[in-house]
Amino acid sequence: MTSDPACLPLEDHLCFAVYAANHAFAAAYKPLLEPLGVTYPQYLVLLILWEQQGRTVKEIGARLHLDSGTLTPLLKRMEAAGLVRRQRDAKDERQVRIQLTPKGAALQSHAAELKSTLFCALGEAEEAITKLRNSLTAVSGRLRSTRAKD
């Protein structure tokens, strides 16, 4: 057996564990979100807008670590579904602000239920989940910081 990390079995790589967990989260959310008519990425946008209405596409993209080329089609689909309204900023027409519609705002009442369902599915105490989230957030930050230096 070699000590070369590239030769480790797939399951021994942290990157694969994170990748697999990401897919598992998306799959776990799918049946919960389908009755609401939203996808997992759309749900993440809604979470941001429930925090604060009228965010710009740039602000949403920064929070989700998505560029506007990826985010704009997602927002257009949300607008077509009647969840959000896109409008140019009156002070700076280069900026597009995203507003929740009443339909999008009404979905917020389901957010706590979704979180509770996922916590139960994880079978962990809230403290352990919070610790894991904080660790992953720190890892993400360090990796983005390292990438920015290159």
C-alpha atoms as a PDB file:
ATOM      1  CA  MET A   1       0.000   0.000   0.000  1.00  0.00           C
ATOM      2  CA  THR A   2       1.270   3.466  -0.902  1.00  0.00           C
ATOM      3  CA  SER A   3       1.016   6.687   1.083  1.00  0.00           C
ATOM      4  CA  ASP A   4       0.193   8.651  -2.088  1.00  0.00           C
ATOM      5  CA  PRO A   5      -3.245  10.249  -1.406  1.00  0.00           C
ATOM      6  CA  ALA A   6      -4.160   9.904  -5.075  1.00  0.00           C
ATOM      7  CA  CYS A   7      -3.924   6.128  -4.683  1.00  0.00           C
ATOM      8  CA  LEU A   8      -6.336   5.934  -1.760  1.00  0.00           C
ATOM      9  CA  PRO A   9      -9.665   4.221  -2.391  1.00  0.00           C
ATOM     10  CA  LEU A  10     -12.394   6.666  -3.429  1.00  0.00           C
ATOM     11  CA  GLU A  11     -14.228   6.303  -0.108  1.00  0.00           C
ATOM     12  CA  ASP A  12     -11.119   7.486   1.786  1.00  0.00           C
ATOM     13  CA  HIS A  13     -11.121  10.907   0.086  1.00  0.00           C
ATOM     14  CA  LEU A  14     -12.750  13.786   1.962  1.00  0.00           C
ATOM     15  CA  CYS A  15     -13.745  15.381  -1.355  1.00  0.00           C
ATOM     16  CA  PHE A  16     -15.793  12.293  -2.234  1.00  0.00           C
ATOM     17  CA  ALA A  17     -17.526  12.240   1.160  1.00  0.00           C
ATOM     18  CA  VAL A  18     -18.567  15.889   0.660  1.00  0.00           C
ATOM     19  CA  TYR A  19     -19.619  15.189  -2.937  1.00  0.00           C
ATOM     20  CA  ALA A  20     -21.697  12.177  -1.876  1.00  0.00           C
ATOM     21  CA  ALA A  21     -23.270  14.123   1.007  1.00  0.00           C
ATOM     22  CA  ASN A  22     -24.223  16.924  -1.385  1.00  0.00           C
ATOM     23  CA  HIS A  23     -26.009  14.458  -3.641  1.00  0.00           C
ATOM     24  CA  ALA A  24     -27.666  12.800  -0.649  1.00  0.00           C
ATOM     25  CA  PHE A  25     -28.980  16.167   0.569  1.00  0.00           C
ATOM     26  CA  ALA A  26     -30.384  17.021  -2.852  1.00  0.00           C
ATOM     27  CA  ALA A  27     -32.045  13.598  -3.037  1.00  0.00           C
ATOM     28  CA  ALA A  28     -33.462  13.922   0.489  1.00  0.00           C
ATOM     29  CA  TYR A  29     -34.909  17.357  -0.244  1.00  0.00           C
ATOM     30  CA  LYS A  30     -36.397  16.402  -3.617  1.00  0.00           C
ATOM     31  CA  PRO A  31     -39.541  14.609  -2.359  1.00  0.00           C
ATOM     32  CA  LEU A  32     -40.045  17.315   0.282  1.00  0.00           C
ATOM     33  CA  LEU A  33     -39.794  20.146  -2.240  1.00  0.00           C
ATOM     34  CA  GLU A  34     -41.727  18.585  -5.136  1.00  0.00           C
ATOM     35  CA  PRO A  35     -45.148  19.258  -3.543  1.00  0.00           C
ATOM     36  CA  LEU A  36     -44.085  22.909  -3.200  1.00  0.00           C
ATOM     37  CA  GLY A  37     -43.098  23.055  -6.862  1.00  0.00           C
ATOM     38  CA  VAL A  38     -39.480  24.051  -6.259  1.00  0.00           C
ATOM     39  CA  THR A  39     -36.114  22.437  -6.838  1.00  0.00           C
ATOM     40  CA  TYR A  40     -33.316  22.304  -4.275  1.00  0.00           C
ATOM     41  CA  PRO A  41     -31.358  25.189  -5.884  1.00  0.00           C
ATOM     42  CA  GLN A  42     -34.571  27.254  -6.028  1.00  0.00           C
ATOM     43  CA  TYR A  43     -35.149  26.501  -2.345  1.00  0.00           C
ATOM     44  CA  LEU A  44     -31.686  27.869  -1.540  1.00  0.00           C
ATOM     45  CA  VAL A  45     -32.562  31.102  -3.382  1.00  0.00           C
ATOM     46  CA  LEU A  46     -35.820  31.309  -1.431  1.00  0.00           C
ATOM     47  CA  LEU A  47     -33.932  30.904   1.859  1.00  0.00           C
ATOM     48  CA  ILE A  48     -31.814  33.937   0.956  1.00  0.00           C
ATOM     49  CA  LEU A  49     -34.840  36.012  -0.044  1.00  0.00           C
ATOM     50  CA  TRP A  50     -36.771  35.062   3.091  1.00  0.00           C
ATOM     51  CA  GLU A  51     -33.853  36.543   5.046  1.00  0.00           C
ATOM     52  CA  GLN A  52     -34.063  39.788   3.084  1.00  0.00           C
ATOM     53  CA  GLN A  53     -36.208  40.814   0.127  1.00  0.00           C
ATOM     54  CA  GLY A  54     -34.824  42.718  -2.827  1.00  0.00           C
ATOM     55  CA  ARG A  55     -31.354  41.236  -2.993  1.00  0.00           C
ATOM     56  CA  THR A  56     -29.458  41.686  -6.228  1.00  0.00           C
ATOM     57  CA  VAL A  57     -28.530  38.816  -8.508  1.00  0.00           C
ATOM     58  CA  LYS A  58     -24.910  39.521  -7.572  1.00  0.00           C
ATOM     59  CA  GLU A  59     -25.670  39.247  -3.832  1.00  0.00           C
ATOM     60  CA  ILE A  60     -27.551  35.980  -4.292  1.00  0.00           C
ATOM     61  CA  GLY A  61     -24.764  34.616  -6.472  1.00  0.00           C
ATOM     62  CA  ALA A  62     -22.164  35.508  -3.853  1.00  0.00           C
ATOM     63  CA  ARG A  63     -24.111  33.717  -1.117  1.00  0.00           C
ATOM     64  CA  LEU A  64     -24.599  30.589  -3.253  1.00  0.00           C
ATOM     65  CA  HIS A  65     -21.150  30.757  -4.863  1.00  0.00           C
ATOM     66  CA  LEU A  66     -22.762  30.845  -8.325  1.00  0.00           C
ATOM     67  CA  ASP A  67     -21.980  33.099 -11.262  1.00  0.00           C
ATOM     68  CA  SER A  68     -24.737  35.049 -13.001  1.00  0.00           C
ATOM     69  CA  GLY A  69     -24.588  32.706 -16.012  1.00  0.00           C
ATOM     70  CA  THR A  70     -25.743  29.867 -13.777  1.00  0.00           C
ATOM     71  CA  LEU A  71     -28.031  31.888 -11.533  1.00  0.00           C
ATOM     72  CA  THR A  72     -29.940  33.896 -14.166  1.00  0.00           C
ATOM     73  CA  PRO A  73     -31.640  30.887 -15.836  1.00  0.00           C
ATOM     74  CA  LEU A  74     -32.588  29.587 -12.374  1.00  0.00           C
ATOM     75  CA  LEU A  75     -34.154  32.949 -11.479  1.00  0.00           C
ATOM     76  CA  LYS A  76     -35.973  33.098 -14.825  1.00  0.00           C
ATOM     77  CA  ARG A  77     -37.539  29.689 -14.118  1.00  0.00           C
ATOM     78  CA  MET A  78     -38.535  30.895 -10.651  1.00  0.00           C
ATOM     79  CA  GLU A  79     -40.101  33.985 -12.178  1.00  0.00           C
ATOM     80  CA  ALA A  80     -41.999  31.870 -14.727  1.00  0.00           C
ATOM     81  CA  ALA A  81     -43.297  29.758 -11.813  1.00  0.00           C
ATOM     82  CA  GLY A  82     -44.535  32.907 -10.092  1.00  0.00           C
ATOM     83  CA  LEU A  83     -42.159  32.686  -7.112  1.00  0.00           C
ATOM     84  CA  VAL A  84     -40.079  35.812  -7.716  1.00  0.00           C
ATOM     85  CA  ARG A  85     -40.087  39.007  -9.719  1.00  0.00           C
ATOM     86  CA  ARG A  86     -36.921  40.336 -11.340  1.00  0.00           C
ATOM     87  CA  GLN A  87     -36.622  44.073 -11.793  1.00  0.00           C
ATOM     88  CA  ARG A  88     -33.903  46.564 -12.631  1.00  0.00           C
ATOM     89  CA  ASP A  89     -32.678  48.680  -9.734  1.00  0.00           C
ATOM     90  CA  ALA A  90     -34.019  52.218 -10.065  1.00  0.00           C
ATOM     91  CA  LYS A  91     -30.706  53.716  -8.904  1.00  0.00           C
ATOM     92  CA  ASP A  92     -28.422  51.441 -10.951  1.00  0.00           C
ATOM     93  CA  GLU A  93     -29.985  49.765 -13.979  1.00  0.00           C
ATOM     94  CA  ARG A  94     -27.014  47.396 -14.238  1.00  0.00           C
ATOM     95  CA  GLN A  95     -28.301  45.691 -11.087  1.00  0.00           C
ATOM     96  CA  VAL A  96     -31.281  43.333 -11.107  1.00  0.00           C
ATOM     97  CA  ARG A  97     -33.147  42.986  -7.818  1.00  0.00           C
ATOM     98  CA  ILE A  98     -35.148  39.917  -6.931  1.00  0.00           C
ATOM     99  CA  GLN A  99     -38.415  40.272  -5.049  1.00  0.00           C
ATOM    100  CA  LEU A 100     -40.538  37.466  -3.667  1.00  0.00           C
ATOM    101  CA  THR A 101     -44.070  37.255  -4.960  1.00  0.00           C
ATOM    102  CA  PRO A 102     -46.846  36.393  -2.507  1.00  0.00           C
ATOM    103  CA  LYS A 103     -46.583  32.788  -3.757  1.00  0.00           C
ATOM    104  CA  GLY A 104     -42.836  32.699  -3.020  1.00  0.00           C
ATOM    105  CA  ALA A 105     -43.293  34.337   0.372  1.00  0.00           C
ATOM    106  CA  ALA A 106     -46.028  31.855   1.312  1.00  0.00           C
ATOM    107  CA  LEU A 107     -43.644  28.930   0.942  1.00  0.00           C
ATOM    108  CA  GLN A 108     -41.626  30.178   3.918  1.00  0.00           C
ATOM    109  CA  SER A 109     -44.112  28.563   6.284  1.00  0.00           C
ATOM    110  CA  HIS A 110     -42.832  25.168   5.073  1.00  0.00           C
ATOM    111  CA  ALA A 111     -39.156  25.910   5.764  1.00  0.00           C
ATOM    112  CA  ALA A 112     -39.193  24.963   9.448  1.00  0.00           C
ATOM    113  CA  GLU A 113     -40.988  21.704   8.632  1.00  0.00           C
ATOM    114  CA  LEU A 114     -38.359  20.839   6.018  1.00  0.00           C
ATOM    115  CA  LYS A 115     -35.516  21.532   8.461  1.00  0.00           C
ATOM    116  CA  SER A 116     -37.180  19.408  11.123  1.00  0.00           C
ATOM    117  CA  THR A 117     -37.721  16.518   8.692  1.00  0.00           C
ATOM    118  CA  LEU A 118     -34.071  16.605   7.618  1.00  0.00           C
ATOM    119  CA  PHE A 119     -32.831  16.771  11.230  1.00  0.00           C
ATOM    120  CA  CYS A 120     -34.883  13.663  12.004  1.00  0.00           C
ATOM    121  CA  ALA A 121     -33.518  11.901   8.912  1.00  0.00           C
ATOM    122  CA  LEU A 122     -29.960  12.658  10.024  1.00  0.00           C
ATOM    123  CA  GLY A 123     -30.615  11.127  13.417  1.00  0.00           C
ATOM    124  CA  GLU A 124     -28.183  13.461  15.135  1.00  0.00           C
ATOM    125  CA  ALA A 125     -28.560  16.014  17.888  1.00  0.00           C
ATOM    126  CA  GLU A 126     -28.820  19.611  16.744  1.00  0.00           C
ATOM    127  CA  GLU A 127     -25.489  20.358  18.441  1.00  0.00           C
ATOM    128  CA  ALA A 128     -23.693  17.693  16.354  1.00  0.00           C
ATOM    129  CA  ILE A 129     -25.304  18.979  13.151  1.00  0.00           C
ATOM    130  CA  THR A 130     -24.305  22.548  14.005  1.00  0.00           C
ATOM    131  CA  LYS A 131     -20.727  21.436  14.683  1.00  0.00           C
ATOM    132  CA  LEU A 132     -20.570  19.578  11.362  1.00  0.00           C
ATOM    133  CA  ARG A 133     -22.018  22.580   9.490  1.00  0.00           C
ATOM    134  CA  ASN A 134     -19.482  24.907  11.109  1.00  0.00           C
ATOM    135  CA  SER A 135     -16.621  22.562  10.184  1.00  0.00           C
ATOM    136  CA  LEU A 136     -17.763  22.319   6.569  1.00  0.00           C
ATOM    137  CA  THR A 137     -18.205  26.097   6.381  1.00  0.00           C
ATOM    138  CA  ALA A 138     -14.646  26.557   7.629  1.00  0.00           C
ATOM    139  CA  VAL A 139     -13.304  24.023   5.123  1.00  0.00           C
ATOM    140  CA  SER A 140     -15.149  25.772   2.291  1.00  0.00           C
ATOM    141  CA  GLY A 141     -13.781  29.127   3.345  1.00  0.00           C
ATOM    142  CA  ARG A 142     -10.224  27.857   3.541  1.00  0.00           C
ATOM    143  CA  LEU A 143     -10.475  26.207   0.119  1.00  0.00           C
ATOM    144  CA  ARG A 144     -11.919  29.364  -1.461  1.00  0.00           C
ATOM    145  CA  SER A 145      -9.222  31.433   0.236  1.00  0.00           C
ATOM    146  CA  THR A 146      -6.495  29.144  -1.099  1.00  0.00           C
ATOM    147  CA  ARG A 147      -7.994  29.267  -4.598  1.00  0.00           C
ATOM    148  CA  ALA A 148      -8.169  33.076  -4.488  1.00  0.00           C
ATOM    149  CA  LYS A 149      -4.411  33.262  -3.770  1.00  0.00           C
ATOM    150  CA  ASP A 150      -3.557  31.296  -6.943  1.00  0.00           C
END
